Protein backbone atom coordinates (compact mmCIF):
# COMPACT_ATOMS: atom_id res chain seq x y z
CA UNK A 1 -27.29 81.26 5.15
CA UNK A 2 -23.67 81.42 6.29
CA UNK A 3 -22.53 81.07 9.90
CA UNK A 4 -22.24 84.85 10.40
CA UNK A 5 -25.76 85.49 9.12
CA UNK A 6 -27.14 82.62 11.20
CA UNK A 7 -25.52 83.96 14.38
CA UNK A 8 -26.85 87.45 13.68
CA UNK A 9 -30.39 86.14 13.16
CA UNK A 10 -30.31 83.98 16.27
CA UNK A 11 -29.17 86.79 18.58
CA UNK A 12 -32.47 88.74 18.63
CA UNK A 13 -34.44 85.52 19.19
CA UNK A 14 -32.20 84.61 22.13
CA UNK A 15 -32.58 88.09 23.59
CA UNK A 16 -36.36 87.92 23.20
CA UNK A 17 -36.47 84.55 24.97
CA UNK A 18 -34.33 85.88 27.81
CA UNK A 19 -36.58 88.92 28.20
CA UNK A 20 -39.65 86.70 28.30
CA UNK A 21 -38.02 84.52 30.97
CA UNK A 22 -37.22 87.63 33.01
CA UNK A 23 -40.86 88.71 32.68
CA UNK A 24 -42.07 85.31 33.91
CA UNK A 25 -39.70 85.48 36.88
CA UNK A 26 -40.82 89.02 37.67
CA UNK A 27 -44.48 87.93 37.60
CA UNK A 28 -43.83 85.00 39.95
CA UNK A 29 -42.05 87.36 42.37
CA UNK A 30 -44.48 90.29 42.05
CA UNK A 31 -46.24 91.84 45.03
CA UNK A 32 -49.04 93.51 43.06
CA UNK A 33 -49.72 96.61 45.10
CA UNK A 34 -52.47 99.16 45.68
CA UNK A 35 -51.84 101.57 48.54
CA UNK A 36 -53.70 104.69 47.48
CA UNK A 37 -55.32 106.60 50.34
CA UNK A 38 -58.76 106.40 48.72
CA UNK A 39 -58.66 102.68 47.84
CA UNK A 40 -62.03 100.94 48.07
CA UNK A 41 -63.22 97.35 47.79
CA UNK A 42 -63.88 98.01 44.11
CA UNK A 43 -60.22 98.90 43.61
CA UNK A 44 -59.09 95.74 45.36
CA UNK A 45 -61.56 93.61 43.40
CA UNK A 46 -59.97 94.97 40.22
CA UNK A 47 -56.51 94.22 41.61
CA UNK A 48 -57.54 90.66 42.45
CA UNK A 49 -58.92 90.21 38.95
CA UNK A 50 -55.56 91.22 37.53
CA UNK A 51 -53.93 88.58 39.74
CA UNK A 52 -55.87 85.98 37.76
CA UNK A 53 -54.35 87.14 34.50
CA UNK A 54 -53.55 85.12 31.39
CA UNK A 55 -49.85 84.56 32.08
CA UNK A 56 -50.02 83.34 35.68
CA UNK A 57 -50.40 84.74 39.17
CA UNK A 58 -48.20 87.11 41.17
CA UNK A 59 -46.72 86.11 44.51
CA UNK A 60 -48.97 88.42 46.54
CA UNK A 61 -51.35 91.34 46.64
CA UNK A 62 -50.26 94.17 48.95
CA UNK A 63 -53.03 96.38 50.39
CA UNK A 64 -54.08 98.42 53.42
CA UNK A 65 -55.01 96.45 56.57
CA UNK A 66 -58.64 97.60 56.27
CA UNK A 67 -58.88 95.87 52.89
CA UNK A 68 -56.88 92.74 53.64
CA UNK A 69 -59.85 90.53 54.51
CA UNK A 70 -61.66 91.57 51.33
CA UNK A 71 -58.50 90.94 49.30
CA UNK A 72 -58.24 87.47 50.80
CA UNK A 73 -61.79 86.68 49.70
CA UNK A 74 -61.29 88.04 46.17
CA UNK A 75 -57.78 86.91 45.27
CA UNK A 76 -56.88 83.52 43.79
CA UNK A 77 -56.20 81.07 46.62
CA UNK A 78 -52.54 80.61 45.67
CA UNK A 79 -51.83 84.35 45.90
CA UNK A 80 -50.69 85.55 49.33
CA UNK A 81 -52.17 88.67 50.91
CA UNK A 82 -49.77 91.22 52.36
CA UNK A 83 -50.76 94.37 54.22
CA UNK A 84 -48.82 97.30 55.60
CA UNK A 85 -48.13 98.38 59.18
CA UNK A 86 -46.69 101.63 60.51
CA UNK A 87 -47.15 102.84 56.95
CA UNK A 88 -46.03 105.06 55.35
CA UNK A 89 -44.66 107.35 58.03
CA UNK A 90 -42.42 104.88 59.88
CA UNK A 91 -43.16 106.44 63.27
CA UNK A 92 -42.22 105.20 66.72
CA UNK A 93 -45.69 104.42 68.11
CA UNK A 94 -45.32 100.75 69.02
CA UNK A 95 -48.95 100.33 70.07
CA UNK A 96 -50.21 101.71 66.73
CA UNK A 97 -47.89 99.44 64.74
CA UNK A 98 -49.05 96.45 66.76
CA UNK A 99 -52.71 97.39 66.16
CA UNK A 100 -52.04 97.47 62.42
CA UNK A 101 -50.37 94.09 62.67
CA UNK A 102 -53.17 92.56 64.73
CA UNK A 103 -55.69 93.72 62.14
CA UNK A 104 -53.62 92.09 59.39
CA UNK A 105 -53.42 88.81 61.29
CA UNK A 106 -57.16 88.86 62.02
CA UNK A 107 -57.90 89.51 58.34
CA UNK A 108 -56.26 86.23 57.38
CA UNK A 109 -53.33 87.76 55.52
CA UNK A 110 -50.04 85.87 55.23
CA UNK A 111 -47.55 88.74 55.12
CA UNK A 112 -46.85 91.98 56.99
CA UNK A 113 -44.88 94.84 55.41
CA UNK A 114 -43.83 97.11 58.30
CA UNK A 115 -41.98 100.41 58.04
CA UNK A 116 -38.86 100.67 60.18
CA UNK A 117 -38.78 103.80 62.36
CA UNK A 118 -36.05 105.13 60.11
CA UNK A 119 -35.98 108.65 61.52
CA UNK A 120 -35.22 107.22 64.96
CA UNK A 121 -32.39 105.23 63.43
CA UNK A 122 -31.07 108.34 61.70
CA UNK A 123 -31.04 110.07 65.06
CA UNK A 124 -28.99 107.25 66.58
CA UNK A 125 -31.91 105.70 68.46
CA UNK A 126 -31.47 102.10 67.41
CA UNK A 127 -33.22 100.86 70.56
CA UNK A 128 -36.57 102.45 69.68
CA UNK A 129 -36.43 101.14 66.13
CA UNK A 130 -35.58 97.65 67.34
CA UNK A 131 -38.34 97.69 69.95
CA UNK A 132 -41.02 98.43 67.39
CA UNK A 133 -39.83 95.69 65.06
CA UNK A 134 -39.62 93.21 67.93
CA UNK A 135 -43.20 94.00 68.98
CA UNK A 136 -44.50 93.61 65.43
CA UNK A 137 -42.59 90.35 65.02
CA UNK A 138 -44.27 88.96 68.16
CA UNK A 139 -47.68 90.13 66.97
CA UNK A 140 -47.42 88.30 63.65
CA UNK A 141 -45.71 85.08 64.63
CA UNK A 142 -45.95 82.59 61.79
CA UNK A 143 -46.49 85.24 59.12
CA UNK A 144 -43.84 86.51 56.71
CA UNK A 145 -42.43 89.83 57.94
CA UNK A 146 -41.02 92.29 55.41
CA UNK A 147 -39.27 95.33 56.90
CA UNK A 148 -39.33 98.52 54.82
CA UNK A 149 -36.12 100.45 55.46
CA UNK A 150 -36.92 103.56 53.39
CA UNK A 151 -33.43 103.46 51.94
CA UNK A 152 -33.92 106.60 49.85
CA UNK A 153 -34.35 108.63 53.03
CA UNK A 154 -31.56 106.90 54.95
CA UNK A 155 -29.36 107.60 51.90
CA UNK A 156 -25.99 106.85 53.56
CA UNK A 157 -24.65 103.38 52.69
CA UNK A 158 -23.37 102.68 56.21
CA UNK A 159 -26.73 103.69 57.71
CA UNK A 160 -28.63 101.51 55.22
CA UNK A 161 -26.47 98.54 56.18
CA UNK A 162 -26.99 99.26 59.87
CA UNK A 163 -30.75 99.37 59.36
CA UNK A 164 -30.60 96.09 57.43
CA UNK A 165 -28.61 94.36 60.17
CA UNK A 166 -31.01 95.64 62.84
CA UNK A 167 -34.04 94.38 60.91
CA UNK A 168 -32.48 90.95 60.45
CA UNK A 169 -31.64 90.78 64.14
CA UNK A 170 -35.29 91.46 64.97
CA UNK A 171 -36.60 88.63 62.79
CA UNK A 172 -37.18 90.16 59.36
CA UNK A 173 -37.94 87.59 56.68
CA UNK A 174 -37.41 90.18 53.94
CA UNK A 175 -35.58 93.49 53.66
CA UNK A 176 -37.56 95.94 51.51
CA UNK A 177 -36.25 99.17 50.04
CA UNK A 178 -39.07 101.68 50.11
CA UNK A 179 -42.68 102.58 50.80
CA UNK A 180 -42.90 104.08 47.33
CA UNK A 181 -44.16 107.26 48.99
CA UNK A 182 -40.86 109.19 49.00
CA UNK A 183 -38.88 110.75 46.14
CA UNK A 184 -36.17 108.05 46.03
CA UNK A 185 -37.37 104.45 45.99
CA UNK A 186 -35.39 101.36 45.05
CA UNK A 187 -31.89 101.86 43.67
CA UNK A 188 -29.18 99.44 42.63
CA UNK A 189 -26.85 100.76 45.34
CA UNK A 190 -29.41 100.28 48.10
CA UNK A 191 -30.30 96.82 46.80
CA UNK A 192 -26.66 95.81 46.87
CA UNK A 193 -26.31 97.05 50.45
CA UNK A 194 -29.32 95.03 51.62
CA UNK A 195 -28.30 91.90 49.73
CA UNK A 196 -24.71 92.03 50.94
CA UNK A 197 -25.93 92.44 54.52
CA UNK A 198 -28.10 89.34 54.15
CA UNK A 199 -25.22 87.40 52.58
CA UNK A 200 -22.82 88.46 55.36
CA UNK A 201 -25.19 87.50 58.21
CA UNK A 202 -24.44 83.99 59.50
CA UNK A 203 -27.38 81.68 58.96
CA UNK A 204 -29.52 84.35 57.33
CA UNK A 205 -32.08 83.09 54.83
CA UNK A 206 -33.94 86.38 54.48
CA UNK A 207 -35.14 87.67 51.15
CA UNK A 208 -35.03 91.01 49.37
CA UNK A 209 -37.89 93.15 48.07
CA UNK A 210 -37.34 96.00 45.62
CA UNK A 211 -40.11 98.56 45.88
CA UNK A 212 -40.44 102.16 44.78
CA UNK A 213 -40.16 102.96 41.08
CA UNK A 214 -40.00 99.40 39.74
CA UNK A 215 -42.07 99.79 36.59
CA UNK A 216 -40.59 97.76 33.75
CA UNK A 217 -39.23 94.31 33.05
CA UNK A 218 -35.86 95.99 32.52
CA UNK A 219 -36.08 97.39 36.07
CA UNK A 220 -36.95 93.93 37.36
CA UNK A 221 -34.00 92.43 35.49
CA UNK A 222 -31.64 94.71 37.39
CA UNK A 223 -32.80 93.37 40.77
CA UNK A 224 -33.08 89.77 39.60
CA UNK A 225 -29.47 90.02 38.45
CA UNK A 226 -28.29 91.44 41.77
CA UNK A 227 -30.06 88.71 43.75
CA UNK A 228 -28.53 86.05 41.50
CA UNK A 229 -25.06 87.61 41.86
CA UNK A 230 -25.08 88.01 45.64
CA UNK A 231 -27.43 85.32 47.00
CA UNK A 232 -27.17 82.79 44.17
CA UNK A 233 -29.49 81.24 41.61
CA UNK A 234 -31.52 79.44 44.27
CA UNK A 235 -32.66 82.79 45.70
CA UNK A 236 -34.32 83.87 42.44
CA UNK A 237 -37.89 82.98 43.33
CA UNK A 238 -40.75 84.32 45.47
CA UNK A 239 -39.39 82.74 48.67
CA UNK A 240 -36.46 85.19 48.64
CA UNK A 241 -37.20 87.80 45.97
CA UNK A 242 -40.14 90.14 45.66
CA UNK A 243 -40.83 93.13 43.46
CA UNK A 244 -43.35 95.55 44.93
CA UNK A 245 -45.17 97.48 42.22
CA UNK A 246 -48.48 98.58 40.79
CA UNK A 247 -47.53 99.29 37.18
CA UNK A 248 -44.95 96.57 36.54
CA UNK A 249 -47.64 94.05 35.58
CA UNK A 250 -48.49 96.16 32.52
CA UNK A 251 -45.01 95.71 31.07
CA UNK A 252 -44.83 92.04 32.11
CA UNK A 253 -48.05 91.30 30.24
CA UNK A 254 -46.92 93.34 27.24
CA UNK A 255 -43.66 91.39 27.01
CA UNK A 256 -45.34 88.02 27.45
CA UNK A 257 -47.92 89.05 24.87
CA UNK A 258 -45.19 89.67 22.34
CA UNK A 259 -44.67 93.44 22.57
CA UNK A 260 -41.28 95.08 22.84
CA UNK A 261 -40.21 95.65 26.46
CA UNK A 262 -40.02 99.12 27.94
CA UNK A 263 -36.64 100.58 28.87
CA UNK A 264 -35.26 101.08 32.37
CA UNK A 265 -37.53 103.58 34.10
CA UNK A 266 -35.09 104.65 36.80
CA UNK A 267 -32.17 106.03 34.87
CA UNK A 268 -29.42 103.72 36.12
């Protein structure tokens, strides 16, 4: 075999190894999610069983507050439990958001994913949005707080960056793109806006969570690459990167099992 033939034969193997490494990273950073309105304990038991899969565990399971305690009992001990507050509507009822948060804390979960009152922010009412986040932050002291900005609804880059800065100022540990319940979820442009806001904030060590339409290892690779580019190699891990998804695990397991990876699902 000459040098040209050898290089050509090695290229696919290198690409396959890189894809497998991306799949392993995606699994380690995965918030395996079930937030269907009709979810039952049986659904969460099945989710927890998937978290004990053959290729390793995800970072967390993300569920409704009413199922968080059950998830904690069923999931592998090393897998965190996250639950949602003020979800999915992102309203301005502080007391309701705090009740959600208190239920999550009482359930023994480790993480709270709260929806920013994004409509208030759109209307120029930053104070109301900040007040709700501040109240939730106080109610879950010691837990990881992920703030869902609903970037697909905010749409405007300047407004997304303003929302990101507000969330960081109120103690967000992660900035998250979407609830996954609106037409536009995670996008590369929104991810860049959130990551650049984190990078530009003095002393900020917050992480980034892509959620909403993240279905394939190729999708995950896009966000892993952006985190590496903007926050650095050290940020590529579950302490600062999460991928919120329900179907992504299917492609991760397919890739790690030797199947060909699926293409980008979001049309970038």
